[in-house]
C-alpha atoms as a PDB file:
ATOM      1  CA  LEU A   1      95.512 -94.051  14.437  1.00  0.00           C
ATOM      2  CA  THR A   2      97.009 -95.256  11.171  1.00  0.00           C
ATOM      3  CA  LEU A   3      95.135 -95.319   7.887  1.00  0.00           C
ATOM      4  CA  ALA A   4      95.903 -96.003   4.252  1.00  0.00           C
ATOM      5  CA  PRO A   5      97.087 -92.884   2.382  1.00  0.00           C
ATOM      6  CA  ASP A   6      94.306 -93.515  -0.160  1.00  0.00           C
ATOM      7  CA  ALA A   7      91.804 -92.609   2.576  1.00  0.00           C
ATOM      8  CA  PHE A   8      93.238 -89.090   2.907  1.00  0.00           C
ATOM      9  CA  GLU A   9      91.022 -87.622   0.184  1.00  0.00           C
ATOM     10  CA  THR A  10      87.933 -88.987   1.954  1.00  0.00           C
ATOM     11  CA  VAL A  11      88.873 -88.429   5.599  1.00  0.00           C
ATOM     12  CA  ALA A  12      90.394 -84.913   5.381  1.00  0.00           C
ATOM     13  CA  PRO A  13      87.135 -83.293   4.166  1.00  0.00           C
ATOM     14  CA  LEU A  14      85.182 -85.139   6.878  1.00  0.00           C
ATOM     15  CA  LEU A  15      87.551 -83.817   9.551  1.00  0.00           C
ATOM     16  CA  THR A  16      87.227 -80.318   8.101  1.00  0.00           C
ATOM     17  CA  GLU A  17      83.445 -80.624   8.186  1.00  0.00           C
ATOM     18  CA  LYS A  18      83.568 -81.772  11.811  1.00  0.00           C
ATOM     19  CA  PHE A  19      86.304 -79.465  13.208  1.00  0.00           C
ATOM     20  CA  GLY A  20      86.260 -76.532  10.789  1.00  0.00           C
ATOM     21  CA  ARG A  21      89.084 -75.170   8.715  1.00  0.00           C
ATOM     22  CA  PRO A  22      92.519 -76.439   9.860  1.00  0.00           C
ATOM     23  CA  ALA A  23      94.690 -74.009  11.808  1.00  0.00           C
ATOM     24  CA  SER A  24      97.501 -74.938   9.442  1.00  0.00           C
ATOM     25  CA  ILE A  25      98.067 -76.928   6.276  1.00  0.00           C
ATOM     26  CA  GLN A  26     101.644 -77.870   5.497  1.00  0.00           C
ATOM     27  CA  ARG A  27     102.552 -78.882   1.971  1.00  0.00           C
ATOM     28  CA  SER A  28     105.765 -80.596   0.981  1.00  0.00           C
ATOM     29  CA  VAL A  29     107.083 -83.318  -1.282  1.00  0.00           C
ATOM     30  CA  VAL A  30     108.271 -86.743  -0.152  1.00  0.00           C
ATOM     31  CA  GLN A  31     110.380 -89.040  -2.266  1.00  0.00           C
ATOM     32  CA  ASN A  32     110.762 -92.814  -2.315  1.00  0.00           C
ATOM     33  CA  ARG A  33     114.009 -94.730  -2.862  1.00  0.00           C
ATOM     34  CA  MET A  34     113.386 -94.925  -6.591  1.00  0.00           C
ATOM     35  CA  GLY A  35     113.136 -91.142  -6.833  1.00  0.00           C
ATOM     36  CA  ALA A  36     109.354 -90.911  -7.349  1.00  0.00           C
ATOM     37  CA  LYS A  37     107.887 -87.835  -5.658  1.00  0.00           C
ATOM     38  CA  PHE A  38     104.560 -87.529  -3.857  1.00  0.00           C
ATOM     39  CA  ASP A  39     102.664 -84.540  -2.480  1.00  0.00           C
ATOM     40  CA  GLN A  40     102.625 -84.547   1.303  1.00  0.00           C
ATOM     41  CA  LEU A  41      99.856 -82.786   3.234  1.00  0.00           C
ATOM     42  CA  VAL A  42      99.631 -82.279   6.980  1.00  0.00           C
ATOM     43  CA  TYR A  43      96.437 -80.745   8.389  1.00  0.00           C
ATOM     44  CA  SER A  44      96.455 -79.491  11.974  1.00  0.00           C
ATOM     45  CA  TRP A  45      93.590 -78.310  14.141  1.00  0.00           C
ATOM     46  CA  ARG A  46      94.048 -76.708  17.549  1.00  0.00           C
ATOM     47  CA  ARG A  47      91.195 -76.319  19.986  1.00  0.00           C
ATOM     48  CA  SER A  48      90.746 -74.686  23.343  1.00  0.00           C
ATOM     49  CA  GLY A  49      92.196 -76.500  26.302  1.00  0.00           C
ATOM     50  CA  GLY A  50      95.295 -77.622  24.393  1.00  0.00           C
ATOM     51  CA  LEU A  51      93.525 -80.156  22.183  1.00  0.00           C
ATOM     52  CA  GLU A  52      95.322 -80.904  18.932  1.00  0.00           C
ATOM     53  CA  LEU A  53      94.374 -83.013  15.919  1.00  0.00           C
ATOM     54  CA  THR A  54      96.901 -83.710  13.152  1.00  0.00           C
ATOM     55  CA  TYR A  55      96.267 -85.687   9.975  1.00  0.00           C
ATOM     56  CA  GLN A  56      99.282 -86.559   7.855  1.00  0.00           C
ATOM     57  CA  ARG A  57      98.981 -88.124   4.373  1.00  0.00           C
ATOM     58  CA  TYR A  58     102.323 -89.984   4.625  1.00  0.00           C
ATOM     59  CA  ALA A  59     103.659 -90.895   8.045  1.00  0.00           C
ATOM     60  CA  GLY A  60     107.075 -92.511   8.033  1.00  0.00           C
ATOM     61  CA  ASN A  61     106.478 -94.332   4.757  1.00  0.00           C
ATOM     62  CA  LEU A  62     104.280 -94.148   1.685  1.00  0.00           C
ATOM     63  CA  ASP A  63     101.980 -96.934   2.921  1.00  0.00           C
ATOM     64  CA  THR A  64     100.744 -95.223   6.089  1.00  0.00           C
ATOM     65  CA  SER A  65      98.771 -92.109   7.021  1.00  0.00           C
ATOM     66  CA  SER A  66      98.566 -90.891  10.590  1.00  0.00           C
ATOM     67  CA  LEU A  67      95.709 -89.314  12.524  1.00  0.00           C
ATOM     68  CA  TYR A  68      96.846 -87.993  15.909  1.00  0.00           C
ATOM     69  CA  PHE A  69      94.638 -86.616  18.662  1.00  0.00           C
ATOM     70  CA  GLY A  70      96.271 -85.304  21.789  1.00  0.00           C
ATOM     71  CA  THR A  71      96.077 -82.885  24.654  1.00  0.00           C
ATOM     72  CA  SER A  72      98.627 -80.516  26.135  1.00  0.00           C
ATOM     73  CA  GLU A  73      99.021 -83.020  28.989  1.00  0.00           C
ATOM     74  CA  ASP A  74      99.808 -85.834  26.499  1.00  0.00           C
ATOM     75  CA  ARG A  75     102.493 -83.700  24.885  1.00  0.00           C
ATOM     76  CA  ARG A  76     103.950 -82.761  28.286  1.00  0.00           C
ATOM     77  CA  LEU A  77     104.171 -86.429  29.295  1.00  0.00           C
ATOM     78  CA  LEU A  78     105.805 -87.365  25.981  1.00  0.00           C
ATOM     79  CA  ASN A  79     108.350 -84.576  26.386  1.00  0.00           C
ATOM     80  CA  ASP A  80     109.062 -85.645  29.974  1.00  0.00           C
ATOM     81  CA  ALA A  81     109.597 -89.231  28.819  1.00  0.00           C
ATOM     82  CA  GLY A  82     112.466 -88.023  26.642  1.00  0.00           C
ATOM     83  CA  THR A  83     114.032 -85.961  29.438  1.00  0.00           C
ATOM     84  CA  PRO A  84     116.720 -87.636  31.567  1.00  0.00           C
ATOM     85  CA  GLU A  85     115.603 -88.420  35.126  1.00  0.00           C
ATOM     86  CA  ASN A  86     118.067 -85.980  36.718  1.00  0.00           C
ATOM     87  CA  GLU A  87     116.659 -83.123  34.577  1.00  0.00           C
ATOM     88  CA  ARG A  88     113.098 -83.859  35.757  1.00  0.00           C
ATOM     89  CA  ARG A  89     114.191 -83.794  39.411  1.00  0.00           C
ATOM     90  CA  LYS A  90     115.262 -80.154  39.066  1.00  0.00           C
ATOM     91  CA  ASP A  91     111.556 -79.270  38.886  1.00  0.00           C
ATOM     92  CA  LEU A  92     110.814 -80.868  42.285  1.00  0.00           C
END
């Protein structure tokens, strides 16, 4: 799900209220082409059964935030998609 970065200050507390304190909060600085710097925040929640929720203030550019919800199975399928076919066959 993509959102406007301006929504981060509203949505992050709502997610924290719903899912509890994040398992991790990563802080960094991102910079645009003109050299302006912006505070980046990435909140991650992990739940039983391999569920993961990640909310990123800036995702790929300064105009987009990202809210990701996935399962361990989703991540396995995504990893398999990037594995060459002959590597996957070794598991058969």
